[in-house]
Amino acid sequence: MNKETSDWRLQAERYIKGECSPEAAASWEALMLSEDAALEMYIQAMSEMESELPDMADPDDFTDRVLADEGMIPYRARVIPLSSDRPRKWYEKPLFHYTVAASITLVFMFSGTFDRLFPEDTKHRLQQSESPSYSEQLMEKTTNWLDLILPR
């Protein structure tokens, strides 16, 4: 064990026992986040000191208290309540989502993506009838309609 790992071991033990200052605890937490070896040393020290640590009286109660604390879980603190009086942004409105979904569907239809999902079925259908696919028919009608509206 080299000096660095022995120092980490001592830091981990002090951190686990709560014997270090808040600044030392913060620096140790930052070190564990940046160095995998420091985190491994902490986990190893925690497993070896498990018998020395006090038992938890009621784990379910502890879990409930942690989950109920809004500040404990960072992403919960940033959630904006739905009942706020602020107006919705344009990308939060349902009409925007329906428009995007319809646009993507039309792009898939015009590109023939739906026809390519089951190529063996398409070949079988084309052999039975030589009529163009629904996507091709819709594309043809749309371009004809646009040609009537927008003369070149």
C-alpha atoms as a PDB file:
ATOM      1  CA  MET A   1       0.000   0.000   0.000  1.00  0.00           C
ATOM      2  CA  ASN A   2       1.575   3.271  -1.070  1.00  0.00           C
ATOM      3  CA  LYS A   3       1.358   6.579   0.794  1.00  0.00           C
ATOM      4  CA  GLU A   4      -1.504   7.945  -1.289  1.00  0.00           C
ATOM      5  CA  THR A   5      -3.740   4.924  -0.699  1.00  0.00           C
ATOM      6  CA  SER A   6      -2.876   4.852   3.010  1.00  0.00           C
ATOM      7  CA  ASP A   7      -3.815   8.545   3.239  1.00  0.00           C
ATOM      8  CA  TRP A   8      -7.053   7.794   1.396  1.00  0.00           C
ATOM      9  CA  ARG A   9      -7.707   4.926   3.785  1.00  0.00           C
ATOM     10  CA  LEU A  10      -7.308   7.227   6.812  1.00  0.00           C
ATOM     11  CA  GLN A  11      -9.476   9.889   5.172  1.00  0.00           C
ATOM     12  CA  ALA A  12     -12.159   7.311   4.404  1.00  0.00           C
ATOM     13  CA  GLU A  13     -12.199   6.027   7.977  1.00  0.00           C
ATOM     14  CA  ARG A  14     -12.409   9.572   9.403  1.00  0.00           C
ATOM     15  CA  TYR A  15     -15.163  10.409   6.913  1.00  0.00           C
ATOM     16  CA  ILE A  16     -17.163   7.289   7.804  1.00  0.00           C
ATOM     17  CA  LYS A  17     -16.841   7.923  11.551  1.00  0.00           C
ATOM     18  CA  GLY A  18     -17.699  11.624  11.102  1.00  0.00           C
ATOM     19  CA  GLU A  19     -14.423  12.763  12.642  1.00  0.00           C
ATOM     20  CA  CYS A  20     -13.397  15.149   9.871  1.00  0.00           C
ATOM     21  CA  SER A  21     -14.232  18.823   9.369  1.00  0.00           C
ATOM     22  CA  PRO A  22     -16.893  19.891   6.857  1.00  0.00           C
ATOM     23  CA  GLU A  23     -14.164  21.171   4.519  1.00  0.00           C
ATOM     24  CA  ALA A  24     -12.306  17.849   4.696  1.00  0.00           C
ATOM     25  CA  ALA A  25     -15.572  15.990   4.103  1.00  0.00           C
ATOM     26  CA  ALA A  26     -16.307  18.127   1.042  1.00  0.00           C
ATOM     27  CA  SER A  27     -12.809  17.584  -0.363  1.00  0.00           C
ATOM     28  CA  TRP A  28     -13.086  13.829   0.273  1.00  0.00           C
ATOM     29  CA  GLU A  29     -16.451  13.707  -1.519  1.00  0.00           C
ATOM     30  CA  ALA A  30     -14.970  15.603  -4.473  1.00  0.00           C
ATOM     31  CA  LEU A  31     -12.018  13.200  -4.519  1.00  0.00           C
ATOM     32  CA  MET A  32     -14.352  10.179  -4.524  1.00  0.00           C
ATOM     33  CA  LEU A  33     -16.265  11.672  -7.448  1.00  0.00           C
ATOM     34  CA  SER A  34     -13.100  12.244  -9.474  1.00  0.00           C
ATOM     35  CA  GLU A  35     -10.927   9.257  -8.505  1.00  0.00           C
ATOM     36  CA  ASP A  36     -12.249   5.721  -8.852  1.00  0.00           C
ATOM     37  CA  ALA A  37      -9.475   4.389  -6.622  1.00  0.00           C
ATOM     38  CA  ALA A  38     -10.564   6.715  -3.799  1.00  0.00           C
ATOM     39  CA  LEU A  39     -14.145   5.521  -4.164  1.00  0.00           C
ATOM     40  CA  GLU A  40     -12.989   1.903  -4.095  1.00  0.00           C
ATOM     41  CA  MET A  41     -10.973   2.640  -0.955  1.00  0.00           C
ATOM     42  CA  TYR A  42     -14.078   4.178   0.649  1.00  0.00           C
ATOM     43  CA  ILE A  43     -16.222   1.153  -0.232  1.00  0.00           C
ATOM     44  CA  GLN A  44     -13.562  -1.214   1.078  1.00  0.00           C
ATOM     45  CA  ALA A  45     -13.234   0.748   4.348  1.00  0.00           C
ATOM     46  CA  MET A  46     -17.020   0.863   4.696  1.00  0.00           C
ATOM     47  CA  SER A  47     -17.337  -2.909   4.291  1.00  0.00           C
ATOM     48  CA  GLU A  48     -14.507  -3.575   6.773  1.00  0.00           C
ATOM     49  CA  MET A  49     -15.947  -1.149   9.346  1.00  0.00           C
ATOM     50  CA  GLU A  50     -19.501  -2.436   8.965  1.00  0.00           C
ATOM     51  CA  SER A  51     -19.411  -4.262  12.299  1.00  0.00           C
ATOM     52  CA  GLU A  52     -18.254  -1.096  14.106  1.00  0.00           C
ATOM     53  CA  LEU A  53     -21.050   1.052  12.696  1.00  0.00           C
ATOM     54  CA  PRO A  54     -24.409   1.295  14.486  1.00  0.00           C
ATOM     55  CA  ASP A  55     -27.357  -0.651  13.103  1.00  0.00           C
ATOM     56  CA  MET A  56     -30.228   1.222  11.550  1.00  0.00           C
ATOM     57  CA  ALA A  57     -33.321   1.003  13.751  1.00  0.00           C
ATOM     58  CA  ASP A  58     -35.979   1.140  11.023  1.00  0.00           C
ATOM     59  CA  PRO A  59     -34.679   1.045   7.440  1.00  0.00           C
ATOM     60  CA  ASP A  60     -38.149   1.508   5.937  1.00  0.00           C
ATOM     61  CA  ASP A  61     -38.765   4.653   7.972  1.00  0.00           C
ATOM     62  CA  PHE A  62     -35.357   5.992   6.931  1.00  0.00           C
ATOM     63  CA  THR A  63     -36.159   5.324   3.275  1.00  0.00           C
ATOM     64  CA  ASP A  64     -39.516   7.075   3.572  1.00  0.00           C
ATOM     65  CA  ARG A  65     -37.930  10.123   5.229  1.00  0.00           C
ATOM     66  CA  VAL A  66     -35.231  10.381   2.554  1.00  0.00           C
ATOM     67  CA  LEU A  67     -37.733  10.109  -0.280  1.00  0.00           C
ATOM     68  CA  ALA A  68     -40.046  12.641   1.362  1.00  0.00           C
ATOM     69  CA  ASP A  69     -37.255  15.224   1.651  1.00  0.00           C
ATOM     70  CA  GLU A  70     -37.537  17.308  -1.512  1.00  0.00           C
ATOM     71  CA  GLY A  71     -34.077  18.843  -1.126  1.00  0.00           C
ATOM     72  CA  MET A  72     -32.384  15.442  -0.885  1.00  0.00           C
ATOM     73  CA  ILE A  73     -33.178  14.454  -4.461  1.00  0.00           C
ATOM     74  CA  PRO A  74     -31.896  17.236  -6.767  1.00  0.00           C
ATOM     75  CA  TYR A  75     -34.191  16.710  -9.742  1.00  0.00           C
ATOM     76  CA  ARG A  76     -37.302  17.040  -7.570  1.00  0.00           C
ATOM     77  CA  ALA A  77     -36.341  20.510  -6.451  1.00  0.00           C
ATOM     78  CA  ARG A  78     -36.303  21.786 -10.061  1.00  0.00           C
ATOM     79  CA  VAL A  79     -39.735  20.471 -11.082  1.00  0.00           C
ATOM     80  CA  ILE A  80     -42.131  23.264 -11.918  1.00  0.00           C
ATOM     81  CA  PRO A  81     -45.642  22.533 -10.623  1.00  0.00           C
ATOM     82  CA  LEU A  82     -48.269  22.075 -13.317  1.00  0.00           C
ATOM     83  CA  SER A  83     -50.756  24.291 -11.515  1.00  0.00           C
ATOM     84  CA  SER A  84     -48.630  27.423 -11.806  1.00  0.00           C
ATOM     85  CA  ASP A  85     -50.157  30.553 -13.262  1.00  0.00           C
ATOM     86  CA  ARG A  86     -47.413  31.108 -15.773  1.00  0.00           C
ATOM     87  CA  PRO A  87     -48.379  30.771 -19.438  1.00  0.00           C
ATOM     88  CA  ARG A  88     -47.138  27.701 -21.240  1.00  0.00           C
ATOM     89  CA  LYS A  89     -44.257  28.070 -23.626  1.00  0.00           C
ATOM     90  CA  TRP A  90     -44.895  27.251 -27.262  1.00  0.00           C
ATOM     91  CA  TYR A  91     -43.106  23.895 -27.041  1.00  0.00           C
ATOM     92  CA  GLU A  92     -45.161  22.846 -23.991  1.00  0.00           C
ATOM     93  CA  LYS A  93     -48.524  23.120 -25.740  1.00  0.00           C
ATOM     94  CA  PRO A  94     -50.223  19.930 -26.941  1.00  0.00           C
ATOM     95  CA  LEU A  95     -50.862  21.390 -30.401  1.00  0.00           C
ATOM     96  CA  PHE A  96     -47.099  21.634 -30.944  1.00  0.00           C
ATOM     97  CA  HIS A  97     -46.643  17.962 -30.065  1.00  0.00           C
ATOM     98  CA  TYR A  98     -49.491  16.888 -32.364  1.00  0.00           C
ATOM     99  CA  THR A  99     -48.050  18.983 -35.195  1.00  0.00           C
ATOM    100  CA  VAL A 100     -44.599  17.467 -34.776  1.00  0.00           C
ATOM    101  CA  ALA A 101     -46.050  13.941 -34.643  1.00  0.00           C
ATOM    102  CA  ALA A 102     -48.144  14.546 -37.769  1.00  0.00           C
ATOM    103  CA  SER A 103     -45.164  16.044 -39.597  1.00  0.00           C
ATOM    104  CA  ILE A 104     -42.932  13.114 -38.745  1.00  0.00           C
ATOM    105  CA  THR A 105     -45.663  10.706 -39.834  1.00  0.00           C
ATOM    106  CA  LEU A 106     -46.028  12.492 -43.177  1.00  0.00           C
ATOM    107  CA  VAL A 107     -42.259  12.444 -43.731  1.00  0.00           C
ATOM    108  CA  PHE A 108     -42.239   8.706 -43.044  1.00  0.00           C
ATOM    109  CA  MET A 109     -45.166   8.168 -45.391  1.00  0.00           C
ATOM    110  CA  PHE A 110     -43.644  10.206 -48.226  1.00  0.00           C
ATOM    111  CA  SER A 111     -40.284   8.534 -47.873  1.00  0.00           C
ATOM    112  CA  GLY A 112     -41.864   5.065 -48.033  1.00  0.00           C
ATOM    113  CA  THR A 113     -40.621   4.060 -44.598  1.00  0.00           C
ATOM    114  CA  PHE A 114     -43.887   2.337 -43.754  1.00  0.00           C
ATOM    115  CA  ASP A 115     -43.716   0.400 -47.019  1.00  0.00           C
ATOM    116  CA  ARG A 116     -40.198  -0.781 -46.156  1.00  0.00           C
ATOM    117  CA  LEU A 117     -41.139  -2.119 -42.731  1.00  0.00           C
ATOM    118  CA  PHE A 118     -42.248  -5.429 -44.206  1.00  0.00           C
ATOM    119  CA  PRO A 119     -40.433  -5.769 -47.538  1.00  0.00           C
ATOM    120  CA  GLU A 120     -41.588  -9.334 -48.154  1.00  0.00           C
ATOM    121  CA  ASP A 121     -45.209  -8.246 -47.719  1.00  0.00           C
ATOM    122  CA  THR A 122     -44.665  -5.338 -50.126  1.00  0.00           C
ATOM    123  CA  LYS A 123     -43.206  -7.620 -52.797  1.00  0.00           C
ATOM    124  CA  HIS A 124     -46.155  -9.974 -52.413  1.00  0.00           C
ATOM    125  CA  ARG A 125     -48.632  -7.091 -52.651  1.00  0.00           C
ATOM    126  CA  LEU A 126     -46.897  -5.605 -55.683  1.00  0.00           C
ATOM    127  CA  GLN A 127     -47.098  -8.930 -57.472  1.00  0.00           C
ATOM    128  CA  GLN A 128     -50.835  -9.109 -56.785  1.00  0.00           C
ATOM    129  CA  SER A 129     -51.591  -5.588 -57.958  1.00  0.00           C
ATOM    130  CA  GLU A 130     -49.468  -3.165 -59.896  1.00  0.00           C
ATOM    131  CA  SER A 131     -51.170  -0.128 -58.331  1.00  0.00           C
ATOM    132  CA  PRO A 132     -48.849   2.326 -56.550  1.00  0.00           C
ATOM    133  CA  SER A 133     -48.570   2.230 -52.779  1.00  0.00           C
ATOM    134  CA  TYR A 134     -50.664   4.467 -50.560  1.00  0.00           C
ATOM    135  CA  SER A 135     -47.633   6.642 -49.862  1.00  0.00           C
ATOM    136  CA  GLU A 136     -47.028   7.138 -53.561  1.00  0.00           C
ATOM    137  CA  GLN A 137     -50.704   7.932 -54.201  1.00  0.00           C
ATOM    138  CA  LEU A 138     -50.801  10.471 -51.377  1.00  0.00           C
ATOM    139  CA  MET A 139     -47.555  12.035 -52.570  1.00  0.00           C
ATOM    140  CA  GLU A 140     -48.865  12.303 -56.131  1.00  0.00           C
ATOM    141  CA  LYS A 141     -52.131  13.918 -55.017  1.00  0.00           C
ATOM    142  CA  THR A 142     -50.303  16.355 -52.767  1.00  0.00           C
ATOM    143  CA  THR A 143     -47.859  17.442 -55.470  1.00  0.00           C
ATOM    144  CA  ASN A 144     -50.710  17.820 -57.989  1.00  0.00           C
ATOM    145  CA  TRP A 145     -52.645  19.919 -55.463  1.00  0.00           C
ATOM    146  CA  LEU A 146     -49.590  22.074 -54.768  1.00  0.00           C
ATOM    147  CA  ASP A 147     -48.978  22.522 -58.514  1.00  0.00           C
ATOM    148  CA  LEU A 148     -52.537  23.824 -58.900  1.00  0.00           C
ATOM    149  CA  ILE A 149     -52.093  26.318 -56.047  1.00  0.00           C
ATOM    150  CA  LEU A 150     -48.581  27.472 -56.848  1.00  0.00           C
ATOM    151  CA  PRO A 151     -48.134  27.890 -60.589  1.00  0.00           C
ATOM    152  CA  ARG A 152     -44.542  27.888 -61.768  1.00  0.00           C
END
